[in-house]
Amino acid sequence: MGARKIKLHGFNNLTKALSFNIYDLCYATTDTERRDYIAYIDEAYNAERLTQILSDVSDIIGANILNVARQDYEPQGASVTMLIAEEPVVIDDQVGTAAPGPLPESVVGHLDKSHITVHTYPEAHPHDGICTFRADIDVATCGVISPLKALNYLLHSFESDIVTIDYRVRGFTRDIRGRKHFIDHKITSIQDYLSRDTKNRYDMIDVNVYQENLFHTKMVLKDFDLDDYLFARSADGLDRKERLRIEKRLQKEMGELYYGRNL
């Protein structure tokens, strides 16, 4: 039998917020390679591509797009603003036509009483060859739609070496008897909502605070292949000493990002 549906008094006021940081690492030896990597990332995740990702997220969670504004920036970064509602909305010709202003190097989608944001941070360090692309993603919904439905799609939309995910249900809603409900669905871990192929690819740890409806999961790729991290070159062209040095540097960077501290 399925779970008994709660009969609510009025609108479902629970806010379900899904936030995650996605990291993609690369090693680029020369200034030219580093510039080329940033240019590649900037093209791969430009405003048009990010708008399509947000549009797909809207479809997956069952929201409706009301308005989209987007902007690419120089030298890098993009911004998209998307207004979304849980249900179809009829808008008067004179009302609701202005789009919120864009934010540098970010994607922002505003839902009706909720929001979607994606901020991008491409970075290349001039001294040690490490290049990092970070995307901060927030999907917050109010009502019956759930951001967890978009989790697997978002993970597969970005090149993800390391992921940290937070999910929290805030506020409360009342049933017809006036009793408060602080969550309207069962969840023991964010991992419950990950696809099998994702679970097979990543090592994961949880830190959950059940009494606060707060869930946290960290993910790091299990397999390490140096060719996946070299930009514009192959590992076969490196001598053993150089290969080991680069591998050690990349794995140290991954460890620091995964544990959130310098190692």
C-alpha atoms as a PDB file:
ATOM      1  CA  MET A   1       0.000   0.000   0.000  1.00  0.00           C
ATOM      2  CA  GLY A   2       1.136   3.549  -0.711  1.00  0.00           C
ATOM      3  CA  ALA A   3       1.543   6.179   1.962  1.00  0.00           C
ATOM      4  CA  ARG A   4      -1.660   7.826   3.156  1.00  0.00           C
ATOM      5  CA  LYS A   5      -2.085  11.204   1.521  1.00  0.00           C
ATOM      6  CA  ILE A   6      -2.245  14.097   3.974  1.00  0.00           C
ATOM      7  CA  LYS A   7      -5.363  16.256   3.635  1.00  0.00           C
ATOM      8  CA  LEU A   8      -4.113  19.809   3.993  1.00  0.00           C
ATOM      9  CA  HIS A   9      -5.740  23.003   5.112  1.00  0.00           C
ATOM     10  CA  GLY A  10      -4.906  25.476   2.365  1.00  0.00           C
ATOM     11  CA  PHE A  11      -1.596  25.639   0.487  1.00  0.00           C
ATOM     12  CA  ASN A  12       1.380  23.329   1.161  1.00  0.00           C
ATOM     13  CA  ASN A  13       3.828  25.789   2.787  1.00  0.00           C
ATOM     14  CA  LEU A  14       6.779  23.418   3.121  1.00  0.00           C
ATOM     15  CA  THR A  15       9.961  24.619   1.411  1.00  0.00           C
ATOM     16  CA  LYS A  16      12.148  21.818   0.034  1.00  0.00           C
ATOM     17  CA  ALA A  17      15.656  23.055  -0.723  1.00  0.00           C
ATOM     18  CA  LEU A  18      18.242  21.024  -2.632  1.00  0.00           C
ATOM     19  CA  SER A  19      21.751  22.520  -2.823  1.00  0.00           C
ATOM     20  CA  PHE A  20      24.923  21.084  -4.244  1.00  0.00           C
ATOM     21  CA  ASN A  21      28.446  21.976  -5.280  1.00  0.00           C
ATOM     22  CA  ILE A  22      29.857  20.203  -8.313  1.00  0.00           C
ATOM     23  CA  TYR A  23      33.600  20.187  -9.046  1.00  0.00           C
ATOM     24  CA  ASP A  24      35.357  19.244 -12.282  1.00  0.00           C
ATOM     25  CA  LEU A  25      39.179  19.136 -12.179  1.00  0.00           C
ATOM     26  CA  CYS A  26      41.736  19.413 -14.958  1.00  0.00           C
ATOM     27  CA  TYR A  27      45.523  19.678 -15.244  1.00  0.00           C
ATOM     28  CA  ALA A  28      46.853  22.148 -17.818  1.00  0.00           C
ATOM     29  CA  THR A  29      50.589  22.759 -18.008  1.00  0.00           C
ATOM     30  CA  THR A  30      50.965  25.972 -20.021  1.00  0.00           C
ATOM     31  CA  ASP A  31      49.228  29.356 -19.929  1.00  0.00           C
ATOM     32  CA  THR A  32      47.783  28.574 -23.362  1.00  0.00           C
ATOM     33  CA  GLU A  33      46.329  25.272 -22.162  1.00  0.00           C
ATOM     34  CA  ARG A  34      44.813  26.971 -19.122  1.00  0.00           C
ATOM     35  CA  ARG A  35      43.212  29.682 -21.276  1.00  0.00           C
ATOM     36  CA  ASP A  36      41.919  27.032 -23.661  1.00  0.00           C
ATOM     37  CA  TYR A  37      40.404  25.063 -20.768  1.00  0.00           C
ATOM     38  CA  ILE A  38      38.578  28.140 -19.456  1.00  0.00           C
ATOM     39  CA  ALA A  39      37.342  28.884 -22.997  1.00  0.00           C
ATOM     40  CA  TYR A  40      36.129  25.282 -23.351  1.00  0.00           C
ATOM     41  CA  ILE A  41      34.237  25.401 -20.045  1.00  0.00           C
ATOM     42  CA  ASP A  42      32.800  28.814 -20.872  1.00  0.00           C
ATOM     43  CA  GLU A  43      31.429  27.469 -24.152  1.00  0.00           C
ATOM     44  CA  ALA A  44      30.234  24.133 -22.733  1.00  0.00           C
ATOM     45  CA  TYR A  45      28.271  25.877 -19.948  1.00  0.00           C
ATOM     46  CA  ASN A  46      27.247  29.120 -21.611  1.00  0.00           C
ATOM     47  CA  ALA A  47      23.930  30.865 -20.979  1.00  0.00           C
ATOM     48  CA  GLU A  48      22.153  28.937 -23.746  1.00  0.00           C
ATOM     49  CA  ARG A  49      23.243  25.534 -22.405  1.00  0.00           C
ATOM     50  CA  LEU A  50      22.447  26.497 -18.798  1.00  0.00           C
ATOM     51  CA  THR A  51      19.025  27.775 -19.859  1.00  0.00           C
ATOM     52  CA  GLN A  52      18.295  24.392 -21.441  1.00  0.00           C
ATOM     53  CA  ILE A  53      19.402  22.611 -18.252  1.00  0.00           C
ATOM     54  CA  LEU A  54      17.097  24.794 -16.136  1.00  0.00           C
ATOM     55  CA  SER A  55      14.248  24.256 -18.600  1.00  0.00           C
ATOM     56  CA  ASP A  56      14.701  20.499 -18.312  1.00  0.00           C
ATOM     57  CA  VAL A  57      14.771  20.770 -14.503  1.00  0.00           C
ATOM     58  CA  SER A  58      11.518  22.707 -14.652  1.00  0.00           C
ATOM     59  CA  ASP A  59       9.943  19.925 -16.742  1.00  0.00           C
ATOM     60  CA  ILE A  60      11.242  17.202 -14.415  1.00  0.00           C
ATOM     61  CA  ILE A  61       9.890  18.774 -11.217  1.00  0.00           C
ATOM     62  CA  GLY A  62       6.592  19.679 -12.873  1.00  0.00           C
ATOM     63  CA  ALA A  63       6.950  23.469 -12.818  1.00  0.00           C
ATOM     64  CA  ASN A  64       5.968  25.918 -15.547  1.00  0.00           C
ATOM     65  CA  ILE A  65       8.297  28.522 -17.061  1.00  0.00           C
ATOM     66  CA  LEU A  66       6.915  32.059 -17.046  1.00  0.00           C
ATOM     67  CA  ASN A  67       9.910  34.104 -18.182  1.00  0.00           C
ATOM     68  CA  VAL A  68      13.583  33.658 -19.135  1.00  0.00           C
ATOM     69  CA  ALA A  69      16.385  36.243 -19.300  1.00  0.00           C
ATOM     70  CA  ARG A  70      20.005  35.273 -19.977  1.00  0.00           C
ATOM     71  CA  GLN A  71      23.412  36.855 -20.467  1.00  0.00           C
ATOM     72  CA  ASP A  72      26.967  35.697 -21.259  1.00  0.00           C
ATOM     73  CA  TYR A  73      29.796  37.704 -19.725  1.00  0.00           C
ATOM     74  CA  GLU A  74      33.340  38.701 -20.701  1.00  0.00           C
ATOM     75  CA  PRO A  75      35.881  37.321 -20.082  1.00  0.00           C
ATOM     76  CA  GLN A  76      33.910  34.346 -18.783  1.00  0.00           C
ATOM     77  CA  GLY A  77      30.716  33.308 -17.020  1.00  0.00           C
ATOM     78  CA  ALA A  78      27.027  33.413 -17.777  1.00  0.00           C
ATOM     79  CA  SER A  79      23.740  34.443 -16.173  1.00  0.00           C
ATOM     80  CA  VAL A  80      20.188  33.210 -16.657  1.00  0.00           C
ATOM     81  CA  THR A  81      17.039  34.245 -14.811  1.00  0.00           C
ATOM     82  CA  MET A  82      13.992  31.997 -15.094  1.00  0.00           C
ATOM     83  CA  LEU A  83      10.590  32.706 -13.568  1.00  0.00           C
ATOM     84  CA  ILE A  84       8.680  29.489 -12.860  1.00  0.00           C
ATOM     85  CA  ALA A  85       5.373  28.593 -11.247  1.00  0.00           C
ATOM     86  CA  GLU A  86       4.053  25.316  -9.839  1.00  0.00           C
ATOM     87  CA  GLU A  87       0.900  25.518 -11.946  1.00  0.00           C
ATOM     88  CA  PRO A  88      -0.058  27.375 -15.141  1.00  0.00           C
ATOM     89  CA  VAL A  89      -0.552  31.063 -14.374  1.00  0.00           C
ATOM     90  CA  VAL A  90      -2.597  33.600 -16.309  1.00  0.00           C
ATOM     91  CA  ILE A  91      -0.722  36.926 -16.344  1.00  0.00           C
ATOM     92  CA  ASP A  92      -2.330  40.242 -17.202  1.00  0.00           C
ATOM     93  CA  ASP A  93      -0.659  42.009 -20.144  1.00  0.00           C
ATOM     94  CA  GLN A  94       0.343  44.881 -17.858  1.00  0.00           C
ATOM     95  CA  VAL A  95       1.572  42.788 -14.925  1.00  0.00           C
ATOM     96  CA  GLY A  96       4.541  40.511 -14.364  1.00  0.00           C
ATOM     97  CA  THR A  97       6.367  41.304 -17.601  1.00  0.00           C
ATOM     98  CA  ALA A  98       9.615  42.625 -16.076  1.00  0.00           C
ATOM     99  CA  ALA A  99      12.382  40.043 -15.614  1.00  0.00           C
ATOM    100  CA  PRO A 100      14.725  40.238 -12.611  1.00  0.00           C
ATOM    101  CA  GLY A 101      18.233  41.476 -13.406  1.00  0.00           C
ATOM    102  CA  PRO A 102      21.022  38.941 -14.019  1.00  0.00           C
ATOM    103  CA  LEU A 103      23.863  38.063 -11.643  1.00  0.00           C
ATOM    104  CA  PRO A 104      27.492  37.749 -12.832  1.00  0.00           C
ATOM    105  CA  GLU A 105      28.704  34.209 -13.498  1.00  0.00           C
ATOM    106  CA  SER A 106      25.498  32.633 -12.325  1.00  0.00           C
ATOM    107  CA  VAL A 107      22.215  31.154 -13.339  1.00  0.00           C
ATOM    108  CA  VAL A 108      19.153  32.172 -11.363  1.00  0.00           C
ATOM    109  CA  GLY A 109      15.633  30.812 -11.798  1.00  0.00           C
ATOM    110  CA  HIS A 110      12.819  32.238  -9.675  1.00  0.00           C
ATOM    111  CA  LEU A 111       9.870  29.953  -9.029  1.00  0.00           C
ATOM    112  CA  ASP A 112       6.478  31.132  -7.814  1.00  0.00           C
ATOM    113  CA  LYS A 113       7.365  31.363  -4.075  1.00  0.00           C
ATOM    114  CA  SER A 114      10.546  29.350  -4.819  1.00  0.00           C
ATOM    115  CA  HIS A 115      13.741  29.571  -6.885  1.00  0.00           C
ATOM    116  CA  ILE A 116      16.459  27.850  -8.900  1.00  0.00           C
ATOM    117  CA  THR A 117      20.034  29.148  -8.986  1.00  0.00           C
ATOM    118  CA  VAL A 118      23.224  27.957 -10.634  1.00  0.00           C
ATOM    119  CA  HIS A 119      26.485  29.863 -10.108  1.00  0.00           C
ATOM    120  CA  THR A 120      29.561  28.924 -12.141  1.00  0.00           C
ATOM    121  CA  TYR A 121      33.184  29.422 -11.080  1.00  0.00           C
ATOM    122  CA  PRO A 122      35.839  28.454 -13.678  1.00  0.00           C
ATOM    123  CA  GLU A 123      39.357  28.898 -12.297  1.00  0.00           C
ATOM    124  CA  ALA A 124      42.924  28.204 -13.457  1.00  0.00           C
ATOM    125  CA  HIS A 125      45.861  28.499 -11.062  1.00  0.00           C
ATOM    126  CA  PRO A 126      48.966  29.977 -12.746  1.00  0.00           C
ATOM    127  CA  HIS A 127      51.539  28.073 -10.659  1.00  0.00           C
ATOM    128  CA  ASP A 128      50.578  24.426 -10.186  1.00  0.00           C
ATOM    129  CA  GLY A 129      48.565  23.638 -13.350  1.00  0.00           C
ATOM    130  CA  ILE A 130      45.323  22.806 -11.533  1.00  0.00           C
ATOM    131  CA  CYS A 131      42.142  24.081 -13.214  1.00  0.00           C
ATOM    132  CA  THR A 132      38.784  23.821 -11.466  1.00  0.00           C
ATOM    133  CA  PHE A 133      35.244  24.292 -12.677  1.00  0.00           C
ATOM    134  CA  ARG A 134      32.730  24.653  -9.850  1.00  0.00           C
ATOM    135  CA  ALA A 135      28.965  24.943 -10.174  1.00  0.00           C
ATOM    136  CA  ASP A 136      26.805  25.833  -7.158  1.00  0.00           C
ATOM    137  CA  ILE A 137      23.226  24.709  -7.725  1.00  0.00           C
ATOM    138  CA  ASP A 138      20.149  25.446  -5.603  1.00  0.00           C
ATOM    139  CA  VAL A 139      16.657  24.161  -6.353  1.00  0.00           C
ATOM    140  CA  ALA A 140      14.066  25.272  -3.809  1.00  0.00           C
ATOM    141  CA  THR A 141      10.392  24.462  -4.266  1.00  0.00           C
ATOM    142  CA  CYS A 142       7.279  25.311  -2.318  1.00  0.00           C
ATOM    143  CA  GLY A 143       4.222  23.083  -2.489  1.00  0.00           C
ATOM    144  CA  VAL A 144       3.888  19.570  -3.829  1.00  0.00           C
ATOM    145  CA  ILE A 145       6.693  19.687  -6.415  1.00  0.00           C
ATOM    146  CA  SER A 146       9.986  18.175  -5.241  1.00  0.00           C
ATOM    147  CA  PRO A 147      13.542  19.192  -6.273  1.00  0.00           C
ATOM    148  CA  LEU A 148      14.759  15.641  -5.571  1.00  0.00           C
ATOM    149  CA  LYS A 149      13.247  14.559  -8.888  1.00  0.00           C
ATOM    150  CA  ALA A 150      15.894  16.604 -10.717  1.00  0.00           C
ATOM    151  CA  LEU A 151      18.861  15.248  -8.741  1.00  0.00           C
ATOM    152  CA  ASN A 152      20.077  12.572 -11.177  1.00  0.00           C
ATOM    153  CA  TYR A 153      19.549  14.762 -14.224  1.00  0.00           C
ATOM    154  CA  LEU A 154      21.624  17.596 -12.751  1.00  0.00           C
ATOM    155  CA  LEU A 155      24.442  15.235 -11.719  1.00  0.00           C
ATOM    156  CA  HIS A 156      24.615  13.904 -15.279  1.00  0.00           C
ATOM    157  CA  SER A 157      24.438  17.395 -16.836  1.00  0.00           C
ATOM    158  CA  PHE A 158      27.799  18.431 -15.424  1.00  0.00           C
ATOM    159  CA  GLU A 159      31.228  16.777 -15.475  1.00  0.00           C
ATOM    160  CA  SER A 160      31.366  15.845 -11.798  1.00  0.00           C
ATOM    161  CA  ASP A 161      34.469  14.590  -9.999  1.00  0.00           C
ATOM    162  CA  ILE A 162      33.313  15.695  -6.544  1.00  0.00           C
ATOM    163  CA  VAL A 163      29.802  16.576  -5.384  1.00  0.00           C
ATOM    164  CA  THR A 164      28.488  17.805  -2.046  1.00  0.00           C
ATOM    165  CA  ILE A 165      24.711  17.792  -1.642  1.00  0.00           C
ATOM    166  CA  ASP A 166      22.433  19.285   1.003  1.00  0.00           C
ATOM    167  CA  TYR A 167      18.690  18.763   1.224  1.00  0.00           C
ATOM    168  CA  ARG A 168      16.471  20.401   3.811  1.00  0.00           C
ATOM    169  CA  VAL A 169      12.747  20.718   4.371  1.00  0.00           C
ATOM    170  CA  ARG A 170      11.842  23.985   6.114  1.00  0.00           C
ATOM    171  CA  GLY A 171       8.679  25.388   7.620  1.00  0.00           C
ATOM    172  CA  PHE A 172       5.451  23.496   8.193  1.00  0.00           C
ATOM    173  CA  THR A 173       2.062  22.919   6.683  1.00  0.00           C
ATOM    174  CA  ARG A 174      -1.234  22.099   8.435  1.00  0.00           C
ATOM    175  CA  ASP A 175      -3.705  19.325   7.829  1.00  0.00           C
ATOM    176  CA  ILE A 176      -7.463  19.850   8.022  1.00  0.00           C
ATOM    177  CA  ARG A 177      -7.365  19.152  11.786  1.00  0.00           C
ATOM    178  CA  GLY A 178      -4.826  21.923  12.334  1.00  0.00           C
ATOM    179  CA  ARG A 179      -1.937  19.545  13.086  1.00  0.00           C
ATOM    180  CA  LYS A 180       1.462  20.738  11.831  1.00  0.00           C
ATOM    181  CA  HIS A 181       3.502  18.603   9.423  1.00  0.00           C
ATOM    182  CA  PHE A 182       7.200  19.460   9.096  1.00  0.00           C
ATOM    183  CA  ILE A 183       7.813  17.054   6.200  1.00  0.00           C
ATOM    184  CA  ASP A 184       5.414  15.463   3.726  1.00  0.00           C
ATOM    185  CA  HIS A 185       7.527  12.559   2.380  1.00  0.00           C
ATOM    186  CA  LYS A 186       9.766   9.779   3.661  1.00  0.00           C
ATOM    187  CA  ILE A 187      13.539  10.131   3.330  1.00  0.00           C
ATOM    188  CA  THR A 188      16.438   8.501   5.175  1.00  0.00           C
ATOM    189  CA  SER A 189      19.266   9.724   2.900  1.00  0.00           C
ATOM    190  CA  ILE A 190      19.827  11.680  -0.301  1.00  0.00           C
ATOM    191  CA  GLN A 191      21.321   8.441  -1.583  1.00  0.00           C
ATOM    192  CA  ASP A 192      17.773   7.029  -1.674  1.00  0.00           C
ATOM    193  CA  TYR A 193      17.163   9.241  -4.721  1.00  0.00           C
ATOM    194  CA  LEU A 194      20.368   8.486  -6.648  1.00  0.00           C
ATOM    195  CA  SER A 195      20.356   6.160  -9.636  1.00  0.00           C
ATOM    196  CA  ARG A 196      22.245   2.869  -9.473  1.00  0.00           C
ATOM    197  CA  ASP A 197      24.894   3.933 -11.991  1.00  0.00           C
ATOM    198  CA  THR A 198      25.637   7.038  -9.901  1.00  0.00           C
ATOM    199  CA  LYS A 199      26.024   4.949  -6.748  1.00  0.00           C
ATOM    200  CA  ASN A 200      28.376   2.596  -8.587  1.00  0.00           C
ATOM    201  CA  ARG A 201      30.616   5.454  -9.795  1.00  0.00           C
ATOM    202  CA  TYR A 202      31.053   7.325  -6.504  1.00  0.00           C
ATOM    203  CA  ASP A 203      32.200   6.739  -2.945  1.00  0.00           C
ATOM    204  CA  MET A 204      29.745   8.505  -0.621  1.00  0.00           C
ATOM    205  CA  ILE A 205      29.369   9.492   3.014  1.00  0.00           C
ATOM    206  CA  ASP A 206      26.330  10.930   4.815  1.00  0.00           C
ATOM    207  CA  VAL A 207      25.874  13.395   7.647  1.00  0.00           C
ATOM    208  CA  ASN A 208      22.157  13.565   8.448  1.00  0.00           C
ATOM    209  CA  VAL A 209      20.256  15.403  11.200  1.00  0.00           C
ATOM    210  CA  TYR A 210      16.877  13.679  11.061  1.00  0.00           C
ATOM    211  CA  GLN A 211      15.186  15.731  13.773  1.00  0.00           C
ATOM    212  CA  GLU A 212      15.921  18.873  11.725  1.00  0.00           C
ATOM    213  CA  ASN A 213      14.963  17.292   8.367  1.00  0.00           C
ATOM    214  CA  LEU A 214      18.512  18.080   7.214  1.00  0.00           C
ATOM    215  CA  PHE A 215      20.429  15.692   4.940  1.00  0.00           C
ATOM    216  CA  HIS A 216      24.006  15.929   3.630  1.00  0.00           C
ATOM    217  CA  THR A 217      25.885  13.647   1.223  1.00  0.00           C
ATOM    218  CA  LYS A 218      29.439  13.907  -0.146  1.00  0.00           C
ATOM    219  CA  MET A 219      30.490  12.089  -3.323  1.00  0.00           C
ATOM    220  CA  VAL A 220      33.877  11.474  -4.990  1.00  0.00           C
ATOM    221  CA  LEU A 221      34.614   9.403  -8.087  1.00  0.00           C
ATOM    222  CA  LYS A 222      35.920   5.914  -7.282  1.00  0.00           C
ATOM    223  CA  ASP A 223      38.127   5.471 -10.339  1.00  0.00           C
ATOM    224  CA  PHE A 224      41.058   7.732 -11.211  1.00  0.00           C
ATOM    225  CA  ASP A 225      42.406   7.765 -14.785  1.00  0.00           C
ATOM    226  CA  LEU A 226      44.980  10.486 -15.454  1.00  0.00           C
ATOM    227  CA  ASP A 227      43.893  10.818 -19.093  1.00  0.00           C
ATOM    228  CA  ASP A 228      40.514  12.069 -17.853  1.00  0.00           C
ATOM    229  CA  TYR A 229      42.221  15.048 -16.190  1.00  0.00           C
ATOM    230  CA  LEU A 230      44.820  16.118 -18.760  1.00  0.00           C
ATOM    231  CA  PHE A 231      43.830  18.916 -21.137  1.00  0.00           C
ATOM    232  CA  ALA A 232      45.124  18.766 -24.731  1.00  0.00           C
ATOM    233  CA  ARG A 233      47.637  15.992 -24.015  1.00  0.00           C
ATOM    234  CA  SER A 234      47.884  12.286 -23.198  1.00  0.00           C
ATOM    235  CA  ALA A 235      49.372  10.540 -20.182  1.00  0.00           C
ATOM    236  CA  ASP A 236      51.387   8.342 -22.570  1.00  0.00           C
ATOM    237  CA  GLY A 237      53.535  11.367 -23.391  1.00  0.00           C
ATOM    238  CA  LEU A 238      54.655  11.840 -19.773  1.00  0.00           C
ATOM    239  CA  ASP A 239      57.632  10.189 -18.129  1.00  0.00           C
ATOM    240  CA  ARG A 240      56.992   8.197 -14.954  1.00  0.00           C
ATOM    241  CA  LYS A 241      58.225  10.890 -12.578  1.00  0.00           C
ATOM    242  CA  GLU A 242      56.082  13.618 -14.143  1.00  0.00           C
ATOM    243  CA  ARG A 243      53.057  11.347 -14.264  1.00  0.00           C
ATOM    244  CA  LEU A 244      53.336  10.504 -10.560  1.00  0.00           C
ATOM    245  CA  ARG A 245      53.798  14.176  -9.669  1.00  0.00           C
ATOM    246  CA  ILE A 246      50.650  15.222 -11.543  1.00  0.00           C
ATOM    247  CA  GLU A 247      48.610  12.328 -10.143  1.00  0.00           C
ATOM    248  CA  LYS A 248      49.688  13.203  -6.609  1.00  0.00           C
ATOM    249  CA  ARG A 249      48.818  16.867  -7.136  1.00  0.00           C
ATOM    250  CA  LEU A 250      45.368  16.095  -8.569  1.00  0.00           C
ATOM    251  CA  GLN A 251      44.513  13.558  -5.869  1.00  0.00           C
ATOM    252  CA  LYS A 252      45.569  16.021  -3.168  1.00  0.00           C
ATOM    253  CA  GLU A 253      43.297  18.660  -4.718  1.00  0.00           C
ATOM    254  CA  MET A 254      40.397  16.189  -4.859  1.00  0.00           C
ATOM    255  CA  GLY A 255      40.947  15.216  -1.228  1.00  0.00           C
ATOM    256  CA  GLU A 256      40.937  18.854  -0.108  1.00  0.00           C
ATOM    257  CA  LEU A 257      37.724  19.580  -2.001  1.00  0.00           C
ATOM    258  CA  TYR A 258      36.070  16.406  -0.700  1.00  0.00           C
ATOM    259  CA  TYR A 259      36.958  16.956   2.949  1.00  0.00           C
ATOM    260  CA  GLY A 260      36.734  20.743   2.832  1.00  0.00           C
ATOM    261  CA  ARG A 261      40.171  21.412   4.312  1.00  0.00           C
ATOM    262  CA  ASN A 262      43.839  21.659   3.340  1.00  0.00           C
ATOM    263  CA  LEU A 263      45.675  18.347   3.506  1.00  0.00           C
END
